[in-house]
Amino acid sequence: MSKIITSIDPTAKYTIKKTLEKDGVVAIPTDTIYGISVNYGNANAIEKIYTIKKRRKDKALPILIGDLSHLNLVAKNISSNAEKLIAAFWPGALTIVLPKKENLPINLSEYDSIGIRMPDHQFTLELLQFCGPLATTSANISGRDNPTSILDVVMHMRYGVDLFVNGGKTAGDIPSTIVDCTTSEIKILREGAIPTNKIFEVIQ
């Protein structure tokens, strides 16, 4: 049976970690919208996210990290453009697509790349530092409105999520901007909370 806890519960991080270790799916707040998360290396748990969201298998799952030292666990060949964007916008609402490490589960991403973000949210950063990187995507059925409260998440995903973490209303309802940094010329794959012009100001 699904359980709801609050992010201010002193045992929250331990409860979340225990749930994740049992192949569980956890709904968490971020600085943009609510997401559903699983351990990034757990192929069985990753498969659950695709089922819950009714998400196409050709849409890779991004990864959230809580410390720059975790970047090398999931990505390689980090370009100078990526380093500039990381310095300017992390933690924050920017997902950077980078060449992925070969040992990641294939159902995390069918491609040679993976999206990575460090959220600007105190609880979630502490959680990521405690649990390690998490495969995380918006806590809604694909194509539906972005969830900004735990009530939104429960309404979207009443079944399939093992643990809901109530962190209050999120700061915004716009998802992260996604930038492809796998080649020498960056590409904006989705304009979100960070405007395109701000991205190119940093690169130039």
C-alpha atoms as a PDB file:
ATOM      1  CA  MET A   1       0.000   0.000   0.000  1.00  0.00           C
ATOM      2  CA  SER A   2       1.272   3.485  -0.879  1.00  0.00           C
ATOM      3  CA  LYS A   3       2.387   5.754   1.933  1.00  0.00           C
ATOM      4  CA  ILE A   4       2.604   9.564   2.243  1.00  0.00           C
ATOM      5  CA  ILE A   5       5.293  11.238   4.348  1.00  0.00           C
ATOM      6  CA  THR A   6       6.473  14.840   4.621  1.00  0.00           C
ATOM      7  CA  SER A   7       9.886  16.139   3.647  1.00  0.00           C
ATOM      8  CA  ILE A   8      10.293  17.662   7.118  1.00  0.00           C
ATOM      9  CA  ASP A   9       9.974  14.256   8.778  1.00  0.00           C
ATOM     10  CA  PRO A  10      13.448  13.607  10.278  1.00  0.00           C
ATOM     11  CA  THR A  11      13.261   9.987   9.089  1.00  0.00           C
ATOM     12  CA  ALA A  12      12.175  10.880   5.536  1.00  0.00           C
ATOM     13  CA  LYS A  13      15.515  10.232   3.815  1.00  0.00           C
ATOM     14  CA  TYR A  14      15.859   6.839   5.528  1.00  0.00           C
ATOM     15  CA  THR A  15      12.306   5.833   4.576  1.00  0.00           C
ATOM     16  CA  ILE A  16      12.931   6.872   0.969  1.00  0.00           C
ATOM     17  CA  LYS A  17      16.231   5.000   0.759  1.00  0.00           C
ATOM     18  CA  LYS A  18      14.655   1.841   2.142  1.00  0.00           C
ATOM     19  CA  THR A  19      11.822   2.101  -0.404  1.00  0.00           C
ATOM     20  CA  LEU A  20      14.256   2.627  -3.287  1.00  0.00           C
ATOM     21  CA  GLU A  21      16.333  -0.376  -2.207  1.00  0.00           C
ATOM     22  CA  LYS A  22      13.200  -2.537  -2.538  1.00  0.00           C
ATOM     23  CA  ASP A  23      12.720  -1.545  -6.225  1.00  0.00           C
ATOM     24  CA  GLY A  24      10.268   1.123  -5.074  1.00  0.00           C
ATOM     25  CA  VAL A  25       9.060   4.231  -6.899  1.00  0.00           C
ATOM     26  CA  VAL A  26       9.074   7.467  -4.890  1.00  0.00           C
ATOM     27  CA  ALA A  27       7.380  10.791  -5.698  1.00  0.00           C
ATOM     28  CA  ILE A  28       9.554  13.736  -4.624  1.00  0.00           C
ATOM     29  CA  PRO A  29       9.448  17.542  -4.874  1.00  0.00           C
ATOM     30  CA  THR A  30      12.028  19.451  -6.923  1.00  0.00           C
ATOM     31  CA  ASP A  31      12.692  23.113  -7.645  1.00  0.00           C
ATOM     32  CA  THR A  32      10.476  22.904 -10.755  1.00  0.00           C
ATOM     33  CA  ILE A  33       7.755  20.243 -10.480  1.00  0.00           C
ATOM     34  CA  TYR A  34       7.208  16.948  -8.671  1.00  0.00           C
ATOM     35  CA  GLY A  35       8.993  13.909 -10.041  1.00  0.00           C
ATOM     36  CA  ILE A  36       8.926  10.153  -9.607  1.00  0.00           C
ATOM     37  CA  SER A  37      12.265   8.561  -8.834  1.00  0.00           C
ATOM     38  CA  VAL A  38      13.994   5.182  -8.711  1.00  0.00           C
ATOM     39  CA  ASN A  39      17.593   4.073  -8.253  1.00  0.00           C
ATOM     40  CA  TYR A  40      19.389   4.897 -11.501  1.00  0.00           C
ATOM     41  CA  GLY A  41      21.026   1.482 -11.722  1.00  0.00           C
ATOM     42  CA  ASN A  42      17.898  -0.568 -11.056  1.00  0.00           C
ATOM     43  CA  ALA A  43      16.481  -1.819 -14.378  1.00  0.00           C
ATOM     44  CA  ASN A  44      13.405  -3.377 -12.743  1.00  0.00           C
ATOM     45  CA  ALA A  45      12.457  -0.150 -10.993  1.00  0.00           C
ATOM     46  CA  ILE A  46      13.139   1.878 -14.154  1.00  0.00           C
ATOM     47  CA  GLU A  47      10.682  -0.344 -16.031  1.00  0.00           C
ATOM     48  CA  LYS A  48       8.015   0.549 -13.461  1.00  0.00           C
ATOM     49  CA  ILE A  49       8.324   4.249 -14.325  1.00  0.00           C
ATOM     50  CA  TYR A  50       7.589   3.593 -17.995  1.00  0.00           C
ATOM     51  CA  THR A  51       4.536   1.561 -17.032  1.00  0.00           C
ATOM     52  CA  ILE A  52       3.195   4.068 -14.499  1.00  0.00           C
ATOM     53  CA  LYS A  53       3.615   7.048 -16.806  1.00  0.00           C
ATOM     54  CA  LYS A  54       2.513   5.228 -19.974  1.00  0.00           C
ATOM     55  CA  ARG A  55       5.775   6.576 -21.364  1.00  0.00           C
ATOM     56  CA  ARG A  56       7.251   5.542 -24.698  1.00  0.00           C
ATOM     57  CA  LYS A  57      10.400   3.425 -24.381  1.00  0.00           C
ATOM     58  CA  ASP A  58      12.267   5.675 -26.825  1.00  0.00           C
ATOM     59  CA  LYS A  59      12.030   8.576 -24.336  1.00  0.00           C
ATOM     60  CA  ALA A  60      15.046   8.241 -22.069  1.00  0.00           C
ATOM     61  CA  LEU A  61      14.785   8.944 -18.352  1.00  0.00           C
ATOM     62  CA  PRO A  62      16.903  11.798 -16.959  1.00  0.00           C
ATOM     63  CA  ILE A  63      19.023  11.497 -13.831  1.00  0.00           C
ATOM     64  CA  LEU A  64      19.141  13.838 -10.841  1.00  0.00           C
ATOM     65  CA  ILE A  65      22.408  14.219  -8.925  1.00  0.00           C
ATOM     66  CA  GLY A  66      23.124  15.996  -5.666  1.00  0.00           C
ATOM     67  CA  ASP A  67      26.883  16.438  -5.927  1.00  0.00           C
ATOM     68  CA  LEU A  68      29.250  17.143  -8.811  1.00  0.00           C
ATOM     69  CA  SER A  69      31.319  14.143  -7.790  1.00  0.00           C
ATOM     70  CA  HIS A  70      28.357  11.977  -8.863  1.00  0.00           C
ATOM     71  CA  LEU A  71      28.522  13.245 -12.453  1.00  0.00           C
ATOM     72  CA  ASN A  72      31.245  10.779 -13.399  1.00  0.00           C
ATOM     73  CA  LEU A  73      29.050   7.896 -12.242  1.00  0.00           C
ATOM     74  CA  VAL A  74      26.603   8.487 -15.081  1.00  0.00           C
ATOM     75  CA  ALA A  75      28.382  10.552 -17.775  1.00  0.00           C
ATOM     76  CA  LYS A  76      31.693  10.784 -19.606  1.00  0.00           C
ATOM     77  CA  ASN A  77      33.509  13.126 -22.015  1.00  0.00           C
ATOM     78  CA  ILE A  78      32.115  16.285 -20.431  1.00  0.00           C
ATOM     79  CA  SER A  79      32.670  19.145 -22.871  1.00  0.00           C
ATOM     80  CA  SER A  80      33.834  22.659 -22.058  1.00  0.00           C
ATOM     81  CA  ASN A  81      30.375  23.968 -23.014  1.00  0.00           C
ATOM     82  CA  ALA A  82      28.793  21.584 -20.521  1.00  0.00           C
ATOM     83  CA  GLU A  83      31.246  22.712 -17.840  1.00  0.00           C
ATOM     84  CA  LYS A  84      30.318  26.359 -18.470  1.00  0.00           C
ATOM     85  CA  LEU A  85      26.601  25.604 -18.187  1.00  0.00           C
ATOM     86  CA  ILE A  86      27.112  23.547 -15.037  1.00  0.00           C
ATOM     87  CA  ALA A  87      29.059  26.400 -13.429  1.00  0.00           C
ATOM     88  CA  ALA A  88      26.368  28.916 -14.379  1.00  0.00           C
ATOM     89  CA  PHE A  89      23.124  27.033 -13.741  1.00  0.00           C
ATOM     90  CA  TRP A  90      23.650  24.126 -11.326  1.00  0.00           C
ATOM     91  CA  PRO A  91      21.987  23.611  -9.016  1.00  0.00           C
ATOM     92  CA  GLY A  92      19.017  24.797 -11.055  1.00  0.00           C
ATOM     93  CA  ALA A  93      16.458  24.136 -13.775  1.00  0.00           C
ATOM     94  CA  LEU A  94      18.852  22.967 -16.478  1.00  0.00           C
ATOM     95  CA  THR A  95      19.087  19.394 -17.763  1.00  0.00           C
ATOM     96  CA  ILE A  96      22.300  18.743 -19.686  1.00  0.00           C
ATOM     97  CA  VAL A  97      22.478  15.848 -22.123  1.00  0.00           C
ATOM     98  CA  LEU A  98      25.911  14.190 -22.040  1.00  0.00           C
ATOM     99  CA  PRO A  99      27.518  10.975 -23.327  1.00  0.00           C
ATOM    100  CA  LYS A 100      26.433   8.248 -20.919  1.00  0.00           C
ATOM    101  CA  LYS A 101      28.528   5.715 -19.075  1.00  0.00           C
ATOM    102  CA  GLU A 102      28.392   2.268 -20.713  1.00  0.00           C
ATOM    103  CA  ASN A 103      27.334   0.436 -17.552  1.00  0.00           C
ATOM    104  CA  LEU A 104      23.958   2.163 -17.193  1.00  0.00           C
ATOM    105  CA  PRO A 105      20.803   0.044 -17.666  1.00  0.00           C
ATOM    106  CA  ILE A 106      19.721   0.011 -21.309  1.00  0.00           C
ATOM    107  CA  ASN A 107      16.122   0.893 -20.412  1.00  0.00           C
ATOM    108  CA  LEU A 108      17.338   4.097 -18.769  1.00  0.00           C
ATOM    109  CA  SER A 109      18.322   5.367 -22.225  1.00  0.00           C
ATOM    110  CA  GLU A 110      18.409   3.559 -25.574  1.00  0.00           C
ATOM    111  CA  TYR A 111      20.879   6.148 -26.799  1.00  0.00           C
ATOM    112  CA  ASP A 112      24.557   6.906 -26.187  1.00  0.00           C
ATOM    113  CA  SER A 113      23.539   9.922 -24.102  1.00  0.00           C
ATOM    114  CA  ILE A 114      21.678  10.745 -20.905  1.00  0.00           C
ATOM    115  CA  GLY A 115      20.090  13.888 -19.438  1.00  0.00           C
ATOM    116  CA  ILE A 116      21.428  14.989 -16.044  1.00  0.00           C
ATOM    117  CA  ARG A 117      20.357  17.728 -13.654  1.00  0.00           C
ATOM    118  CA  MET A 118      21.178  19.019 -10.190  1.00  0.00           C
ATOM    119  CA  PRO A 119      17.971  20.511  -8.706  1.00  0.00           C
ATOM    120  CA  ASP A 120      17.994  23.671  -6.626  1.00  0.00           C
ATOM    121  CA  HIS A 121      15.909  22.231  -3.799  1.00  0.00           C
ATOM    122  CA  GLN A 122      17.389  21.768  -0.349  1.00  0.00           C
ATOM    123  CA  PHE A 123      15.538  18.587   0.627  1.00  0.00           C
ATOM    124  CA  THR A 124      16.060  16.913  -2.736  1.00  0.00           C
ATOM    125  CA  LEU A 125      19.751  17.811  -2.845  1.00  0.00           C
ATOM    126  CA  GLU A 126      20.232  16.311   0.610  1.00  0.00           C
ATOM    127  CA  LEU A 127      18.286  13.232  -0.466  1.00  0.00           C
ATOM    128  CA  LEU A 128      20.443  12.786  -3.581  1.00  0.00           C
ATOM    129  CA  GLN A 129      23.611  13.178  -1.537  1.00  0.00           C
ATOM    130  CA  PHE A 130      22.285  10.521   0.843  1.00  0.00           C
ATOM    131  CA  CYS A 131      20.910   8.038  -1.739  1.00  0.00           C
ATOM    132  CA  GLY A 132      23.048   8.784  -4.790  1.00  0.00           C
ATOM    133  CA  PRO A 133      21.780   9.623  -8.307  1.00  0.00           C
ATOM    134  CA  LEU A 134      18.128   8.922  -9.064  1.00  0.00           C
ATOM    135  CA  ALA A 135      16.400   8.351 -12.387  1.00  0.00           C
ATOM    136  CA  THR A 136      13.632  10.937 -12.192  1.00  0.00           C
ATOM    137  CA  THR A 137      10.912  12.208 -14.496  1.00  0.00           C
ATOM    138  CA  SER A 138       7.774  14.299 -14.040  1.00  0.00           C
ATOM    139  CA  ALA A 139       5.173  12.707 -11.761  1.00  0.00           C
ATOM    140  CA  ASN A 140       2.346  12.654 -14.277  1.00  0.00           C
ATOM    141  CA  ILE A 141       0.943  10.520 -17.051  1.00  0.00           C
ATOM    142  CA  SER A 142       2.855  11.457 -20.218  1.00  0.00           C
ATOM    143  CA  GLY A 143       1.297  14.496 -21.882  1.00  0.00           C
ATOM    144  CA  ARG A 144      -0.749  15.659 -18.880  1.00  0.00           C
ATOM    145  CA  ASP A 145      -0.296  18.809 -16.760  1.00  0.00           C
ATOM    146  CA  ASN A 146       2.887  19.206 -14.736  1.00  0.00           C
ATOM    147  CA  PRO A 147       2.356  18.388 -11.032  1.00  0.00           C
ATOM    148  CA  THR A 148       3.205  21.126  -8.525  1.00  0.00           C
ATOM    149  CA  SER A 149       1.743  19.600  -5.346  1.00  0.00           C
ATOM    150  CA  ILE A 150       1.567  16.156  -3.808  1.00  0.00           C
ATOM    151  CA  LEU A 151      -2.205  16.218  -4.417  1.00  0.00           C
ATOM    152  CA  ASP A 152      -1.527  16.591  -8.145  1.00  0.00           C
ATOM    153  CA  VAL A 153       0.785  13.595  -7.992  1.00  0.00           C
ATOM    154  CA  VAL A 154      -1.670  11.392  -6.110  1.00  0.00           C
ATOM    155  CA  MET A 155      -4.399  12.285  -8.617  1.00  0.00           C
ATOM    156  CA  HIS A 156      -2.101  11.446 -11.562  1.00  0.00           C
ATOM    157  CA  MET A 157      -0.395   8.395 -10.101  1.00  0.00           C
ATOM    158  CA  ARG A 158      -2.639   6.870  -7.481  1.00  0.00           C
ATOM    159  CA  TYR A 159      -1.436   3.408  -8.440  1.00  0.00           C
ATOM    160  CA  GLY A 160       2.158   2.315  -8.899  1.00  0.00           C
ATOM    161  CA  VAL A 161       3.987   4.839  -6.720  1.00  0.00           C
ATOM    162  CA  ASP A 162       5.113   3.259  -3.461  1.00  0.00           C
ATOM    163  CA  LEU A 163       5.924   6.406  -1.478  1.00  0.00           C
ATOM    164  CA  PHE A 164       4.713  10.006  -1.836  1.00  0.00           C
ATOM    165  CA  VAL A 165       6.853  12.747  -0.261  1.00  0.00           C
ATOM    166  CA  ASN A 166       4.914  15.916   0.494  1.00  0.00           C
ATOM    167  CA  GLY A 167       7.272  18.881   0.208  1.00  0.00           C
ATOM    168  CA  GLY A 168       4.583  21.525  -0.258  1.00  0.00           C
ATOM    169  CA  LYS A 169       3.878  23.382  -3.475  1.00  0.00           C
ATOM    170  CA  THR A 170       6.817  23.653  -5.854  1.00  0.00           C
ATOM    171  CA  ALA A 171       8.297  27.038  -6.741  1.00  0.00           C
ATOM    172  CA  GLY A 172       7.085  26.865 -10.337  1.00  0.00           C
ATOM    173  CA  ASP A 173       5.214  24.759 -12.858  1.00  0.00           C
ATOM    174  CA  ILE A 174       7.685  24.965 -15.753  1.00  0.00           C
ATOM    175  CA  PRO A 175      10.040  22.007 -16.264  1.00  0.00           C
ATOM    176  CA  SER A 176      13.771  22.356 -16.797  1.00  0.00           C
ATOM    177  CA  THR A 177      15.380  23.556 -20.005  1.00  0.00           C
ATOM    178  CA  ILE A 178      17.139  20.694 -21.817  1.00  0.00           C
ATOM    179  CA  VAL A 179      20.429  21.319 -23.642  1.00  0.00           C
ATOM    180  CA  ASP A 180      22.292  18.721 -25.701  1.00  0.00           C
ATOM    181  CA  CYS A 181      26.027  19.003 -25.050  1.00  0.00           C
ATOM    182  CA  THR A 182      27.110  15.774 -26.741  1.00  0.00           C
ATOM    183  CA  THR A 183      28.660  17.627 -29.707  1.00  0.00           C
ATOM    184  CA  SER A 184      30.748  20.778 -30.079  1.00  0.00           C
ATOM    185  CA  GLU A 185      27.649  22.777 -31.016  1.00  0.00           C
ATOM    186  CA  ILE A 186      24.963  22.792 -28.322  1.00  0.00           C
ATOM    187  CA  LYS A 187      21.294  22.214 -29.146  1.00  0.00           C
ATOM    188  CA  ILE A 188      18.280  23.371 -27.164  1.00  0.00           C
ATOM    189  CA  LEU A 189      16.006  20.329 -26.994  1.00  0.00           C
ATOM    190  CA  ARG A 190      13.382  21.978 -24.792  1.00  0.00           C
ATOM    191  CA  GLU A 191      13.080  25.552 -23.579  1.00  0.00           C
ATOM    192  CA  GLY A 192      11.885  25.505 -20.010  1.00  0.00           C
ATOM    193  CA  ALA A 193      12.541  27.515 -16.876  1.00  0.00           C
ATOM    194  CA  ILE A 194      15.844  28.923 -18.192  1.00  0.00           C
ATOM    195  CA  PRO A 195      15.419  31.014 -21.395  1.00  0.00           C
ATOM    196  CA  THR A 196      17.438  30.106 -24.484  1.00  0.00           C
ATOM    197  CA  ASN A 197      19.153  33.493 -24.606  1.00  0.00           C
ATOM    198  CA  LYS A 198      20.566  32.934 -21.105  1.00  0.00           C
ATOM    199  CA  ILE A 199      22.068  29.642 -22.260  1.00  0.00           C
ATOM    200  CA  PHE A 200      23.840  31.198 -25.242  1.00  0.00           C
ATOM    201  CA  GLU A 201      25.059  34.156 -23.156  1.00  0.00           C
ATOM    202  CA  VAL A 202      27.026  31.683 -21.052  1.00  0.00           C
ATOM    203  CA  ILE A 203      28.358  29.725 -24.031  1.00  0.00           C
ATOM    204  CA  GLN A 204      29.485  32.807 -25.926  1.00  0.00           C
END
